[in-house]
C-alpha atoms as a PDB file:
ATOM      1  CA  MET A   1      46.529 -35.569   3.520  1.00  0.00           C
ATOM      2  CA  SER A   2      46.496 -39.370   3.617  1.00  0.00           C
ATOM      3  CA  ARG A   3      43.296 -41.360   3.190  1.00  0.00           C
ATOM      4  CA  SER A   4      43.344 -42.324   6.874  1.00  0.00           C
ATOM      5  CA  ASP A   5      43.818 -38.675   7.910  1.00  0.00           C
ATOM      6  CA  ALA A   6      40.920 -37.587   5.694  1.00  0.00           C
ATOM      7  CA  ALA A   7      38.757 -40.306   7.197  1.00  0.00           C
ATOM      8  CA  ALA A   8      39.675 -39.135  10.700  1.00  0.00           C
ATOM      9  CA  VAL A   9      38.714 -35.533   9.833  1.00  0.00           C
ATOM     10  CA  GLU A  10      35.416 -36.703   8.325  1.00  0.00           C
ATOM     11  CA  PHE A  11      34.682 -38.766  11.442  1.00  0.00           C
ATOM     12  CA  ALA A  12      35.432 -35.764  13.697  1.00  0.00           C
ATOM     13  CA  GLU A  13      33.081 -33.587  11.631  1.00  0.00           C
ATOM     14  CA  GLU A  14      30.377 -36.248  11.771  1.00  0.00           C
ATOM     15  CA  SER A  15      30.708 -36.641  15.537  1.00  0.00           C
ATOM     16  CA  ASN A  16      30.209 -32.885  16.076  1.00  0.00           C
ATOM     17  CA  ARG A  17      27.343 -32.627  13.593  1.00  0.00           C
ATOM     18  CA  MET A  18      23.877 -32.282  15.079  1.00  0.00           C
ATOM     19  CA  ARG A  19      20.428 -32.665  13.585  1.00  0.00           C
ATOM     20  CA  ILE A  20      18.718 -29.361  14.344  1.00  0.00           C
ATOM     21  CA  LEU A  21      15.071 -28.373  13.934  1.00  0.00           C
ATOM     22  CA  VAL A  22      14.232 -24.704  13.377  1.00  0.00           C
ATOM     23  CA  THR A  23      10.491 -24.006  13.535  1.00  0.00           C
ATOM     24  CA  GLY A  24       9.600 -20.837  11.683  1.00  0.00           C
ATOM     25  CA  GLY A  25      12.790 -21.466   9.740  1.00  0.00           C
ATOM     26  CA  ALA A  26      11.603 -19.698   6.575  1.00  0.00           C
ATOM     27  CA  GLY A  27      10.937 -16.485   8.478  1.00  0.00           C
ATOM     28  CA  PHE A  28      13.164 -13.445   8.878  1.00  0.00           C
ATOM     29  CA  VAL A  29      15.174 -14.604  11.899  1.00  0.00           C
ATOM     30  CA  GLY A  30      14.698 -18.329  11.243  1.00  0.00           C
ATOM     31  CA  SER A  31      16.252 -18.202   7.772  1.00  0.00           C
ATOM     32  CA  HIS A  32      19.366 -16.453   9.086  1.00  0.00           C
ATOM     33  CA  LEU A  33      19.620 -19.055  11.855  1.00  0.00           C
ATOM     34  CA  CYS A  34      19.260 -21.958   9.375  1.00  0.00           C
ATOM     35  CA  GLU A  35      21.975 -20.418   7.210  1.00  0.00           C
ATOM     36  CA  ARG A  36      24.350 -20.041  10.155  1.00  0.00           C
ATOM     37  CA  LEU A  37      23.755 -23.594  11.446  1.00  0.00           C
ATOM     38  CA  LEU A  38      24.343 -25.057   7.974  1.00  0.00           C
ATOM     39  CA  GLY A  39      27.551 -23.049   7.771  1.00  0.00           C
ATOM     40  CA  GLU A  40      28.663 -24.701  10.999  1.00  0.00           C
ATOM     41  CA  GLY A  41      28.210 -28.136   9.435  1.00  0.00           C
ATOM     42  CA  HIS A  42      24.940 -29.267  11.020  1.00  0.00           C
ATOM     43  CA  ASP A  43      21.957 -30.996   9.448  1.00  0.00           C
ATOM     44  CA  VAL A  44      19.056 -28.536   9.526  1.00  0.00           C
ATOM     45  CA  ILE A  45      15.331 -29.215   9.279  1.00  0.00           C
ATOM     46  CA  CYS A  46      13.418 -26.028   8.476  1.00  0.00           C
ATOM     47  CA  LEU A  47       9.761 -26.325   9.504  1.00  0.00           C
ATOM     48  CA  ASP A  48       7.316 -23.604   8.459  1.00  0.00           C
ATOM     49  CA  ASN A  49       3.634 -23.205   7.556  1.00  0.00           C
ATOM     50  CA  PHE A  50       4.450 -20.149   5.400  1.00  0.00           C
ATOM     51  CA  PHE A  51       1.923 -17.842   7.040  1.00  0.00           C
ATOM     52  CA  THR A  52       4.613 -15.182   7.410  1.00  0.00           C
ATOM     53  CA  GLY A  53       7.660 -17.158   6.239  1.00  0.00           C
ATOM     54  CA  SER A  54       8.803 -17.093   2.602  1.00  0.00           C
ATOM     55  CA  LYS A  55      10.553 -19.605   0.365  1.00  0.00           C
ATOM     56  CA  ASN A  56      12.555 -16.671  -1.009  1.00  0.00           C
ATOM     57  CA  ASN A  57      14.333 -16.508   2.359  1.00  0.00           C
ATOM     58  CA  ILE A  58      15.658 -20.066   2.080  1.00  0.00           C
ATOM     59  CA  THR A  59      15.932 -20.711  -1.687  1.00  0.00           C
ATOM     60  CA  HIS A  60      19.714 -20.331  -1.519  1.00  0.00           C
ATOM     61  CA  LEU A  61      19.854 -23.140   1.085  1.00  0.00           C
ATOM     62  CA  MET A  62      17.805 -25.678  -0.867  1.00  0.00           C
ATOM     63  CA  ASP A  63      20.732 -27.174  -2.805  1.00  0.00           C
ATOM     64  CA  SER A  64      22.473 -28.291   0.388  1.00  0.00           C
ATOM     65  CA  HIS A  65      22.089 -32.017   1.072  1.00  0.00           C
ATOM     66  CA  ARG A  66      22.082 -31.180   4.797  1.00  0.00           C
ATOM     67  CA  PHE A  67      19.017 -28.937   4.549  1.00  0.00           C
ATOM     68  CA  GLU A  68      15.421 -30.198   4.652  1.00  0.00           C
ATOM     69  CA  LEU A  69      12.248 -28.160   4.288  1.00  0.00           C
ATOM     70  CA  VAL A  70       9.026 -29.388   5.896  1.00  0.00           C
ATOM     71  CA  ARG A  71       5.746 -27.523   5.387  1.00  0.00           C
ATOM     72  CA  HIS A  72       3.945 -27.997   8.694  1.00  0.00           C
ATOM     73  CA  ASP A  73       2.022 -26.056  11.344  1.00  0.00           C
ATOM     74  CA  ILE A  74       3.328 -26.742  14.861  1.00  0.00           C
ATOM     75  CA  ILE A  75      -0.223 -26.585  16.205  1.00  0.00           C
ATOM     76  CA  GLU A  76      -0.379 -30.151  14.835  1.00  0.00           C
ATOM     77  CA  PRO A  77       1.926 -32.830  16.321  1.00  0.00           C
ATOM     78  CA  ILE A  78       4.899 -34.031  14.288  1.00  0.00           C
ATOM     79  CA  LEU A  79       7.389 -36.850  14.866  1.00  0.00           C
ATOM     80  CA  LEU A  80      11.058 -36.058  14.186  1.00  0.00           C
ATOM     81  CA  GLU A  81      14.378 -37.288  15.567  1.00  0.00           C
ATOM     82  CA  VAL A  82      16.556 -34.287  16.415  1.00  0.00           C
ATOM     83  CA  ASP A  83      19.255 -33.133  18.841  1.00  0.00           C
ATOM     84  CA  ARG A  84      18.266 -29.475  19.085  1.00  0.00           C
ATOM     85  CA  ILE A  85      14.998 -27.551  18.636  1.00  0.00           C
ATOM     86  CA  TYR A  86      14.901 -23.794  18.066  1.00  0.00           C
ATOM     87  CA  ASN A  87      11.214 -22.881  18.431  1.00  0.00           C
ATOM     88  CA  LEU A  88      10.813 -19.627  16.513  1.00  0.00           C
ATOM     89  CA  ALA A  89       7.397 -20.322  14.955  1.00  0.00           C
ATOM     90  CA  CYS A  90       4.941 -17.482  15.636  1.00  0.00           C
ATOM     91  CA  PRO A  91       3.991 -14.303  13.763  1.00  0.00           C
ATOM     92  CA  ALA A  92       5.889 -11.483  15.447  1.00  0.00           C
ATOM     93  CA  SER A  93       4.486  -8.262  13.997  1.00  0.00           C
ATOM     94  CA  PRO A  94       1.201  -6.727  15.207  1.00  0.00           C
ATOM     95  CA  ILE A  95      -0.349  -6.784  11.725  1.00  0.00           C
ATOM     96  CA  HIS A  96       0.236 -10.523  11.404  1.00  0.00           C
ATOM     97  CA  TYR A  97      -0.433 -11.699  14.943  1.00  0.00           C
ATOM     98  CA  GLN A  98      -3.615  -9.614  15.206  1.00  0.00           C
ATOM     99  CA  TYR A  99      -4.907 -10.964  11.870  1.00  0.00           C
ATOM    100  CA  ASN A 100      -5.916 -14.208  13.588  1.00  0.00           C
ATOM    101  CA  PRO A 101      -5.371 -13.706  17.324  1.00  0.00           C
ATOM    102  CA  VAL A 102      -6.813 -17.097  18.314  1.00  0.00           C
ATOM    103  CA  LYS A 103      -4.380 -18.846  15.952  1.00  0.00           C
ATOM    104  CA  THR A 104      -1.525 -16.745  17.339  1.00  0.00           C
ATOM    105  CA  THR A 105      -2.310 -17.903  20.874  1.00  0.00           C
ATOM    106  CA  LYS A 106      -2.645 -21.510  19.701  1.00  0.00           C
ATOM    107  CA  THR A 107       0.812 -21.312  18.070  1.00  0.00           C
ATOM    108  CA  SER A 108       2.405 -20.135  21.316  1.00  0.00           C
ATOM    109  CA  VAL A 109       0.528 -22.632  23.519  1.00  0.00           C
ATOM    110  CA  MET A 110      -0.366 -25.768  21.576  1.00  0.00           C
ATOM    111  CA  GLY A 111       2.702 -25.386  19.361  1.00  0.00           C
ATOM    112  CA  VAL A 112       5.050 -25.163  22.321  1.00  0.00           C
ATOM    113  CA  ILE A 113       3.368 -28.174  23.956  1.00  0.00           C
ATOM    114  CA  ASN A 114       3.994 -30.182  20.772  1.00  0.00           C
ATOM    115  CA  MET A 115       7.635 -29.104  20.583  1.00  0.00           C
ATOM    116  CA  LEU A 116       8.215 -29.795  24.274  1.00  0.00           C
ATOM    117  CA  GLY A 117       6.616 -33.217  23.851  1.00  0.00           C
ATOM    118  CA  MET A 118       9.060 -33.950  21.047  1.00  0.00           C
ATOM    119  CA  ALA A 119      12.001 -32.692  23.111  1.00  0.00           C
ATOM    120  CA  LYS A 120      10.915 -34.896  26.021  1.00  0.00           C
ATOM    121  CA  ARG A 121      10.527 -37.977  23.830  1.00  0.00           C
ATOM    122  CA  VAL A 122      13.850 -37.730  21.934  1.00  0.00           C
ATOM    123  CA  LYS A 123      15.777 -36.000  24.763  1.00  0.00           C
ATOM    124  CA  ALA A 124      16.549 -32.950  22.639  1.00  0.00           C
ATOM    125  CA  ARG A 125      17.521 -29.548  24.008  1.00  0.00           C
ATOM    126  CA  ILE A 126      14.883 -26.937  23.139  1.00  0.00           C
ATOM    127  CA  LEU A 127      15.195 -23.152  22.944  1.00  0.00           C
ATOM    128  CA  GLN A 128      12.059 -21.012  23.078  1.00  0.00           C
ATOM    129  CA  ALA A 129      12.144 -17.695  21.258  1.00  0.00           C
ATOM    130  CA  SER A 130      10.241 -15.526  23.715  1.00  0.00           C
ATOM    131  CA  THR A 131       9.949 -11.769  23.414  1.00  0.00           C
ATOM    132  CA  SER A 132      10.436  -8.435  25.116  1.00  0.00           C
ATOM    133  CA  GLU A 133       6.650  -8.123  24.802  1.00  0.00           C
ATOM    134  CA  VAL A 134       6.361 -10.228  27.973  1.00  0.00           C
ATOM    135  CA  TYR A 135       7.336  -7.004  29.780  1.00  0.00           C
ATOM    136  CA  GLY A 136       4.327  -5.182  28.255  1.00  0.00           C
ATOM    137  CA  ASP A 137       4.419  -1.417  28.754  1.00  0.00           C
ATOM    138  CA  PRO A 138       7.148  -1.601  31.396  1.00  0.00           C
ATOM    139  CA  HIS A 139       7.378   0.342  34.646  1.00  0.00           C
ATOM    140  CA  VAL A 140      11.007  -0.790  35.019  1.00  0.00           C
ATOM    141  CA  HIS A 141      13.613   0.689  32.678  1.00  0.00           C
ATOM    142  CA  PRO A 142      15.767  -0.806  31.279  1.00  0.00           C
ATOM    143  CA  GLN A 143      14.085  -4.196  31.546  1.00  0.00           C
ATOM    144  CA  THR A 144      15.776  -6.951  33.537  1.00  0.00           C
ATOM    145  CA  GLU A 145      14.857 -10.632  33.429  1.00  0.00           C
ATOM    146  CA  ASP A 146      13.483 -10.600  36.986  1.00  0.00           C
ATOM    147  CA  TYR A 147      10.848  -7.961  36.066  1.00  0.00           C
ATOM    148  CA  TRP A 148       7.384  -9.570  35.838  1.00  0.00           C
ATOM    149  CA  GLY A 149       6.036  -7.064  33.359  1.00  0.00           C
ATOM    150  CA  ASN A 150       2.978  -4.850  32.888  1.00  0.00           C
ATOM    151  CA  VAL A 151       0.778  -6.595  30.323  1.00  0.00           C
ATOM    152  CA  ASN A 152      -2.871  -5.936  29.462  1.00  0.00           C
ATOM    153  CA  THR A 153      -4.310  -9.457  29.445  1.00  0.00           C
ATOM    154  CA  ILE A 154      -7.394  -8.457  27.419  1.00  0.00           C
ATOM    155  CA  GLY A 155      -5.833  -5.969  24.983  1.00  0.00           C
ATOM    156  CA  ILE A 156      -5.401  -6.353  21.223  1.00  0.00           C
ATOM    157  CA  ARG A 157      -1.716  -7.302  21.675  1.00  0.00           C
ATOM    158  CA  SER A 158      -2.351  -9.899  24.379  1.00  0.00           C
ATOM    159  CA  CYS A 159      -2.700 -12.829  21.946  1.00  0.00           C
ATOM    160  CA  TYR A 160       1.044 -12.438  21.364  1.00  0.00           C
ATOM    161  CA  ASP A 161       2.161 -11.118  24.774  1.00  0.00           C
ATOM    162  CA  GLU A 162       0.220 -13.636  26.848  1.00  0.00           C
ATOM    163  CA  GLY A 163       0.881 -16.465  24.405  1.00  0.00           C
ATOM    164  CA  LYS A 164       4.611 -15.999  24.853  1.00  0.00           C
ATOM    165  CA  ARG A 165       4.254 -15.711  28.629  1.00  0.00           C
ATOM    166  CA  VAL A 166       2.361 -19.034  28.712  1.00  0.00           C
ATOM    167  CA  ALA A 167       5.053 -20.532  26.447  1.00  0.00           C
ATOM    168  CA  GLU A 168       7.652 -19.591  29.071  1.00  0.00           C
ATOM    169  CA  THR A 169       5.435 -21.138  31.774  1.00  0.00           C
ATOM    170  CA  LEU A 170       5.179 -24.392  29.817  1.00  0.00           C
ATOM    171  CA  MET A 171       8.929 -24.470  29.232  1.00  0.00           C
ATOM    172  CA  MET A 172       9.621 -24.113  32.944  1.00  0.00           C
ATOM    173  CA  ASP A 173       6.974 -26.678  33.947  1.00  0.00           C
ATOM    174  CA  TYR A 174       8.243 -29.287  31.470  1.00  0.00           C
ATOM    175  CA  HIS A 175      11.723 -28.633  32.849  1.00  0.00           C
ATOM    176  CA  ARG A 176      10.671 -28.991  36.483  1.00  0.00           C
ATOM    177  CA  GLN A 177       8.224 -31.856  35.988  1.00  0.00           C
ATOM    178  CA  ASN A 178       9.874 -33.845  33.177  1.00  0.00           C
ATOM    179  CA  ASN A 179      13.489 -32.657  33.312  1.00  0.00           C
ATOM    180  CA  VAL A 180      13.351 -31.388  29.710  1.00  0.00           C
ATOM    181  CA  ASP A 181      16.543 -29.532  28.751  1.00  0.00           C
ATOM    182  CA  ILE A 182      15.256 -26.005  28.007  1.00  0.00           C
ATOM    183  CA  ARG A 183      16.540 -22.539  27.138  1.00  0.00           C
ATOM    184  CA  ILE A 184      14.482 -19.308  27.104  1.00  0.00           C
ATOM    185  CA  VAL A 185      15.521 -16.177  25.196  1.00  0.00           C
ATOM    186  CA  ARG A 186      13.601 -12.896  25.287  1.00  0.00           C
ATOM    187  CA  ILE A 187      14.184 -11.231  21.932  1.00  0.00           C
ATOM    188  CA  PHE A 188      14.076  -7.456  21.598  1.00  0.00           C
ATOM    189  CA  ASN A 189      13.451  -5.514  18.360  1.00  0.00           C
ATOM    190  CA  THR A 190      15.478  -7.107  15.563  1.00  0.00           C
ATOM    191  CA  TYR A 191      16.074  -5.841  12.032  1.00  0.00           C
ATOM    192  CA  GLY A 192      18.054  -6.718   8.926  1.00  0.00           C
ATOM    193  CA  PRO A 193      17.764  -8.201   5.417  1.00  0.00           C
ATOM    194  CA  ARG A 194      14.798 -10.546   4.773  1.00  0.00           C
ATOM    195  CA  MET A 195      12.382  -8.581   6.932  1.00  0.00           C
ATOM    196  CA  ALA A 196       8.926  -8.840   5.365  1.00  0.00           C
ATOM    197  CA  GLU A 197       7.814  -5.745   3.481  1.00  0.00           C
ATOM    198  CA  ASN A 198       4.257  -5.978   4.815  1.00  0.00           C
ATOM    199  CA  ASP A 199       4.927  -6.731   8.474  1.00  0.00           C
ATOM    200  CA  GLY A 200       4.086  -3.231   9.672  1.00  0.00           C
ATOM    201  CA  ARG A 201       7.133  -2.961  11.929  1.00  0.00           C
ATOM    202  CA  VAL A 202       8.883   0.344  12.361  1.00  0.00           C
ATOM    203  CA  VAL A 203      12.144  -0.516  10.539  1.00  0.00           C
ATOM    204  CA  SER A 204      10.554  -1.887   7.379  1.00  0.00           C
ATOM    205  CA  ASN A 205       7.804   0.762   7.417  1.00  0.00           C
ATOM    206  CA  PHE A 206      10.221   3.679   7.678  1.00  0.00           C
ATOM    207  CA  ILE A 207      12.713   2.328   5.134  1.00  0.00           C
ATOM    208  CA  LEU A 208      10.075   1.552   2.506  1.00  0.00           C
ATOM    209  CA  GLN A 209       8.350   4.913   2.998  1.00  0.00           C
ATOM    210  CA  ALA A 210      11.708   6.688   2.731  1.00  0.00           C
ATOM    211  CA  LEU A 211      12.810   4.788  -0.399  1.00  0.00           C
ATOM    212  CA  ARG A 212       9.485   5.671  -2.064  1.00  0.00           C
ATOM    213  CA  ASN A 213       9.715   9.308  -0.868  1.00  0.00           C
ATOM    214  CA  GLU A 214       6.395   8.863   0.928  1.00  0.00           C
ATOM    215  CA  ASP A 215       5.466  10.510   4.211  1.00  0.00           C
ATOM    216  CA  ILE A 216       7.016   8.629   7.153  1.00  0.00           C
ATOM    217  CA  THR A 217       4.328   7.798   9.693  1.00  0.00           C
ATOM    218  CA  VAL A 218       5.330   8.261  13.334  1.00  0.00           C
ATOM    219  CA  TYR A 219       2.740   7.187  15.905  1.00  0.00           C
ATOM    220  CA  GLY A 220       2.357   9.407  18.960  1.00  0.00           C
ATOM    221  CA  ASP A 221       4.834  12.253  19.281  1.00  0.00           C
ATOM    222  CA  GLY A 222       7.825  10.037  18.492  1.00  0.00           C
ATOM    223  CA  SER A 223       9.241  10.210  22.007  1.00  0.00           C
ATOM    224  CA  GLN A 224       8.664   6.508  22.654  1.00  0.00           C
ATOM    225  CA  THR A 225      11.889   4.506  22.509  1.00  0.00           C
ATOM    226  CA  ARG A 226      13.076   1.268  20.931  1.00  0.00           C
ATOM    227  CA  SER A 227      16.379  -0.581  20.883  1.00  0.00           C
ATOM    228  CA  PHE A 228      17.254  -2.230  17.576  1.00  0.00           C
ATOM    229  CA  CYS A 229      19.461  -5.330  17.303  1.00  0.00           C
ATOM    230  CA  TYR A 230      20.904  -6.492  13.963  1.00  0.00           C
ATOM    231  CA  VAL A 231      19.890 -10.008  12.982  1.00  0.00           C
ATOM    232  CA  SER A 232      23.419 -11.497  12.908  1.00  0.00           C
ATOM    233  CA  ASP A 233      23.958 -10.370  16.502  1.00  0.00           C
ATOM    234  CA  LEU A 234      20.670 -11.986  17.534  1.00  0.00           C
ATOM    235  CA  VAL A 235      21.553 -15.285  15.822  1.00  0.00           C
ATOM    236  CA  GLU A 236      24.897 -15.317  17.631  1.00  0.00           C
ATOM    237  CA  GLY A 237      23.075 -14.825  20.930  1.00  0.00           C
ATOM    238  CA  LEU A 238      20.591 -17.621  20.176  1.00  0.00           C
ATOM    239  CA  ILE A 239      23.352 -20.103  19.376  1.00  0.00           C
ATOM    240  CA  ARG A 240      25.414 -19.154  22.423  1.00  0.00           C
ATOM    241  CA  MET A 241      22.367 -19.605  24.642  1.00  0.00           C
ATOM    242  CA  MET A 242      21.496 -22.968  23.089  1.00  0.00           C
ATOM    243  CA  GLU A 243      25.007 -24.295  23.627  1.00  0.00           C
ATOM    244  CA  CYS A 244      25.465 -22.807  27.102  1.00  0.00           C
ATOM    245  CA  ASP A 245      25.499 -25.514  29.773  1.00  0.00           C
ATOM    246  CA  GLY A 246      24.077 -24.890  33.226  1.00  0.00           C
ATOM    247  CA  PHE A 247      22.010 -21.789  32.371  1.00  0.00           C
ATOM    248  CA  ILE A 248      18.430 -22.049  31.110  1.00  0.00           C
ATOM    249  CA  GLY A 249      17.389 -18.402  31.224  1.00  0.00           C
ATOM    250  CA  PRO A 250      15.336 -16.466  30.574  1.00  0.00           C
ATOM    251  CA  VAL A 251      17.895 -14.089  29.103  1.00  0.00           C
ATOM    252  CA  ASN A 252      17.436 -10.811  27.223  1.00  0.00           C
ATOM    253  CA  ILE A 253      19.004 -10.684  23.764  1.00  0.00           C
ATOM    254  CA  GLY A 254      18.873  -7.229  22.207  1.00  0.00           C
ATOM    255  CA  ASN A 255      20.800  -4.027  21.683  1.00  0.00           C
ATOM    256  CA  PRO A 256      20.788  -1.726  24.746  1.00  0.00           C
ATOM    257  CA  VAL A 257      21.408   1.410  22.627  1.00  0.00           C
ATOM    258  CA  GLU A 258      18.117   3.285  22.916  1.00  0.00           C
ATOM    259  CA  ASN A 259      16.640   5.572  20.231  1.00  0.00           C
ATOM    260  CA  THR A 260      13.435   7.573  20.118  1.00  0.00           C
ATOM    261  CA  ILE A 261      11.179   6.721  17.198  1.00  0.00           C
ATOM    262  CA  LEU A 262      11.522  10.287  15.913  1.00  0.00           C
ATOM    263  CA  GLU A 263      15.335  10.062  15.984  1.00  0.00           C
ATOM    264  CA  PHE A 264      15.107   6.773  14.155  1.00  0.00           C
ATOM    265  CA  ALA A 265      12.870   8.238  11.416  1.00  0.00           C
ATOM    266  CA  GLU A 266      15.311  11.114  10.925  1.00  0.00           C
ATOM    267  CA  LYS A 267      18.223   8.648  10.708  1.00  0.00           C
ATOM    268  CA  ILE A 268      16.436   6.653   7.991  1.00  0.00           C
ATOM    269  CA  ILE A 269      15.819   9.818   5.964  1.00  0.00           C
ATOM    270  CA  THR A 270      19.517  10.705   6.193  1.00  0.00           C
ATOM    271  CA  ILE A 271      20.769   7.226   5.192  1.00  0.00           C
ATOM    272  CA  THR A 272      18.375   6.909   2.239  1.00  0.00           C
ATOM    273  CA  GLY A 273      18.710  10.519   1.095  1.00  0.00           C
ATOM    274  CA  SER A 274      14.919  10.609   1.007  1.00  0.00           C
ATOM    275  CA  LYS A 275      12.654  13.585   0.399  1.00  0.00           C
ATOM    276  CA  SER A 276      10.092  12.133   2.814  1.00  0.00           C
ATOM    277  CA  LYS A 277       8.404  14.274   5.430  1.00  0.00           C
ATOM    278  CA  ILE A 278       7.539  12.999   8.917  1.00  0.00           C
ATOM    279  CA  ILE A 279       3.848  12.975   9.836  1.00  0.00           C
ATOM    280  CA  PHE A 280       2.259  12.025  13.144  1.00  0.00           C
ATOM    281  CA  GLN A 281      -0.665   9.682  13.872  1.00  0.00           C
ATOM    282  CA  PRO A 282      -2.327   8.634  17.174  1.00  0.00           C
ATOM    283  CA  LEU A 283      -0.477   6.032  19.247  1.00  0.00           C
ATOM    284  CA  PRO A 284      -1.988   2.496  18.982  1.00  0.00           C
ATOM    285  CA  GLN A 285      -3.504   0.841  22.072  1.00  0.00           C
ATOM    286  CA  ASP A 286      -0.985  -0.636  24.551  1.00  0.00           C
ATOM    287  CA  ASP A 287       2.014   0.478  22.491  1.00  0.00           C
ATOM    288  CA  PRO A 288       5.012   0.427  24.894  1.00  0.00           C
ATOM    289  CA  LYS A 289       6.485   3.849  25.700  1.00  0.00           C
ATOM    290  CA  GLN A 290       9.962   2.508  26.445  1.00  0.00           C
ATOM    291  CA  ARG A 291      11.748  -0.642  25.390  1.00  0.00           C
ATOM    292  CA  GLN A 292      15.403  -1.231  26.252  1.00  0.00           C
ATOM    293  CA  PRO A 293      17.053  -4.472  27.364  1.00  0.00           C
ATOM    294  CA  ASP A 294      19.364  -4.825  30.301  1.00  0.00           C
ATOM    295  CA  ILE A 295      21.837  -7.358  28.850  1.00  0.00           C
ATOM    296  CA  SER A 296      24.021  -7.779  31.937  1.00  0.00           C
ATOM    297  CA  LEU A 297      22.985 -11.423  32.238  1.00  0.00           C
ATOM    298  CA  ALA A 298      23.815 -12.162  28.580  1.00  0.00           C
ATOM    299  CA  VAL A 299      27.226 -10.552  29.023  1.00  0.00           C
ATOM    300  CA  GLU A 300      27.882 -12.529  32.219  1.00  0.00           C
ATOM    301  CA  LYS A 301      26.537 -15.947  31.189  1.00  0.00           C
ATOM    302  CA  LEU A 302      27.097 -15.967  27.420  1.00  0.00           C
ATOM    303  CA  ALA A 303      29.910 -13.440  26.941  1.00  0.00           C
ATOM    304  CA  TRP A 304      27.543 -11.916  24.369  1.00  0.00           C
ATOM    305  CA  GLU A 305      26.861  -8.368  23.369  1.00  0.00           C
ATOM    306  CA  PRO A 306      25.863  -6.839  20.018  1.00  0.00           C
ATOM    307  CA  GLU A 307      28.639  -5.821  17.629  1.00  0.00           C
ATOM    308  CA  VAL A 308      26.849  -4.271  14.633  1.00  0.00           C
ATOM    309  CA  ALA A 309      26.357  -0.500  14.921  1.00  0.00           C
ATOM    310  CA  LEU A 310      22.884   0.784  14.041  1.00  0.00           C
ATOM    311  CA  ASP A 311      24.054   2.856  11.063  1.00  0.00           C
ATOM    312  CA  ASP A 312      25.937  -0.114   9.576  1.00  0.00           C
ATOM    313  CA  GLY A 313      23.002  -2.472  10.047  1.00  0.00           C
ATOM    314  CA  LEU A 314      20.567   0.038   8.585  1.00  0.00           C
ATOM    315  CA  ARG A 315      22.710   0.496   5.480  1.00  0.00           C
ATOM    316  CA  SER A 316      22.602  -3.278   4.858  1.00  0.00           C
ATOM    317  CA  THR A 317      18.849  -3.323   5.444  1.00  0.00           C
ATOM    318  CA  VAL A 318      18.270  -0.331   3.149  1.00  0.00           C
ATOM    319  CA  ALA A 319      20.329  -2.057   0.433  1.00  0.00           C
ATOM    320  CA  TYR A 320      18.146  -5.171   0.798  1.00  0.00           C
ATOM    321  CA  PHE A 321      14.870  -3.251   0.481  1.00  0.00           C
ATOM    322  CA  THR A 322      16.263  -1.154  -2.395  1.00  0.00           C
ATOM    323  CA  GLU A 323      16.909  -4.376  -4.302  1.00  0.00           C
ATOM    324  CA  ARG A 324      13.458  -5.748  -3.430  1.00  0.00           C
ATOM    325  CA  ILE A 325      11.806  -2.584  -4.786  1.00  0.00           C
ATOM    326  CA  ARG A 326      13.951  -2.731  -7.938  1.00  0.00           C
ATOM    327  CA  LYS A 327      12.844  -6.310  -8.639  1.00  0.00           C
ATOM    328  CA  GLY A 328       9.239  -5.346  -7.984  1.00  0.00           C
END
């Protein structure tokens, strides 16, 4: 390749390169998203206050000259010049978001206001990571985006549920009032490597209990259902939604294959070869009985659907936690 040809290629790469902010970028999903965006040649700013995020999730990215790490809490304003904002910052597991429920609500409300203010000022496109929890304990099954939900506004989960619902409200109002370029994604249960060991979510709980041959704790009778989406499929959906023109959402991103919690526990025991026994405990307050996304809109608008089978994704996740336990 001649020098002029090389220069032309470098210019083309530079012209397609964006400066992208990922809040919560050191978290489980955020770190995978940062990794993918770097792999696509973008400059990535990872912003995290490290309440639930971990430097271990992003250590392998630190040597890249296109990666920046900023320790910051989005409750406080920050001034950055960016082209895209993925707002993922918020504790997502009940143990963490119930630890300081007022702070959780502040993150979803004040944090989103700060990010929307930045997007308005620098004319960046912003994607809000919302959640299937906006549907609460649903009366509609599977859940479609036009369902308004069944949420207990004063329950122990409402700091997260209602916070995310207000975040969606703010996104839509900034769009209507200030013409901010927004995208809203409702994320369903996601799993994969880099999940926190102490987050209390069903995948990490079951895998760790199985690997340690401890009793596997199933809440209720195990008939409640969840749909589990592998993290690489979720990241693909987030990027497709961000780069989709003419559609702002909200859109469900999740795996529509539904499993009962009891079936899932039995599957984990089989994959790990564990000697664990299944025990039952009372169901927590406001725990949804059914959770399954209708992804028709994602298929239609984004040509997206999950590709990783549950057994394959679980094997990768088990391998990750096996290594974590080995290292202590």
